[in-house]
């Protein structure tokens, strides 16, 4: 019973530190990171274009684009 009490007190003691760590490192789309976008199923008449910057420098999120049929 003492062991369970000690673990409970330790969990309560470290809970605020875990919450602050998430606030310290926000993920921004323009920051360089090792995050890889997952494959998206766009259907048979479209393909996925991953996130990129346009000519004006604005970030465009990844999205599905219809295929051009000639």
Protein backbone atom coordinates (compact mmCIF):
# COMPACT_ATOMS: atom_id res chain seq x y z
CA UNK A 1 0.00 0.00 0.00
CA UNK A 2 2.89 2.34 0.70
CA UNK A 3 4.32 1.71 -2.75
CA UNK A 4 1.04 2.66 -4.43
CA UNK A 5 0.91 5.85 -2.38
CA UNK A 6 4.45 6.77 -3.33
CA UNK A 7 3.74 6.24 -7.04
CA UNK A 8 0.58 8.34 -6.79
CA UNK A 9 2.47 11.20 -5.13
CA UNK A 10 5.22 11.00 -7.75
CA UNK A 11 2.68 11.10 -10.58
CA UNK A 12 1.01 14.15 -9.06
CA UNK A 13 4.37 15.84 -8.56
CA UNK A 14 5.45 15.40 -12.20
CA UNK A 15 2.09 16.21 -13.83
CA UNK A 16 2.66 20.01 -13.95
CA UNK A 17 6.11 19.53 -15.51
CA UNK A 18 4.63 17.43 -18.31
CA UNK A 19 2.04 20.11 -19.05
CA UNK A 20 4.65 22.86 -19.26
CA UNK A 21 6.86 20.84 -21.62
CA UNK A 22 4.07 20.79 -24.19
CA UNK A 23 3.76 24.58 -24.00
CA UNK A 24 7.48 25.15 -24.46
CA UNK A 25 7.78 23.42 -27.83
CA UNK A 26 4.90 24.30 -30.17
CA UNK A 27 5.03 22.79 -33.65
CA UNK A 28 4.90 25.39 -36.39
CA UNK A 29 4.49 24.51 -40.07
CA UNK A 30 7.29 26.88 -41.11
CA UNK A 31 9.78 25.39 -38.63
CA UNK A 32 12.15 22.77 -39.99
CA UNK A 33 11.33 19.43 -38.40
CA UNK A 34 11.49 15.70 -38.99
CA UNK A 35 7.71 15.30 -39.19
CA UNK A 36 6.62 13.32 -42.24
CA UNK A 37 3.06 13.61 -43.54
CA UNK A 38 1.20 10.32 -43.64
CA UNK A 39 -0.13 8.91 -46.90
CA UNK A 40 -3.62 10.12 -47.71
CA UNK A 41 -6.15 8.26 -49.83
CA UNK A 42 -7.54 10.86 -52.24
CA UNK A 43 -9.44 8.45 -54.47
CA UNK A 44 -8.84 7.24 -58.00
CA UNK A 45 -9.33 10.64 -59.71
CA UNK A 46 -7.04 12.71 -57.45
CA UNK A 47 -3.57 12.76 -55.96
CA UNK A 48 -2.10 14.18 -52.75
CA UNK A 49 0.08 17.28 -52.79
CA UNK A 50 2.07 17.67 -49.58
CA UNK A 51 2.45 20.96 -47.72
CA UNK A 52 4.56 23.60 -49.42
CA UNK A 53 5.09 27.35 -49.77
CA UNK A 54 3.58 29.34 -52.63
CA UNK A 55 5.38 32.09 -54.58
CA UNK A 56 4.39 34.69 -51.99
CA UNK A 57 5.96 32.58 -49.22
CA UNK A 58 2.70 31.53 -47.55
CA UNK A 59 2.49 27.95 -46.26
CA UNK A 60 -0.12 25.76 -47.99
CA UNK A 61 -1.24 22.65 -46.05
CA UNK A 62 -1.23 19.28 -47.82
CA UNK A 63 -4.40 18.55 -49.81
CA UNK A 64 -5.92 16.41 -52.57
CA UNK A 65 -5.86 17.71 -56.15
CA UNK A 66 -7.91 16.34 -59.05
CA UNK A 67 -5.93 14.67 -61.83
CA UNK A 68 -5.83 16.42 -65.19
CA UNK A 69 -7.35 14.16 -67.87
CA UNK A 70 -6.23 14.94 -71.42
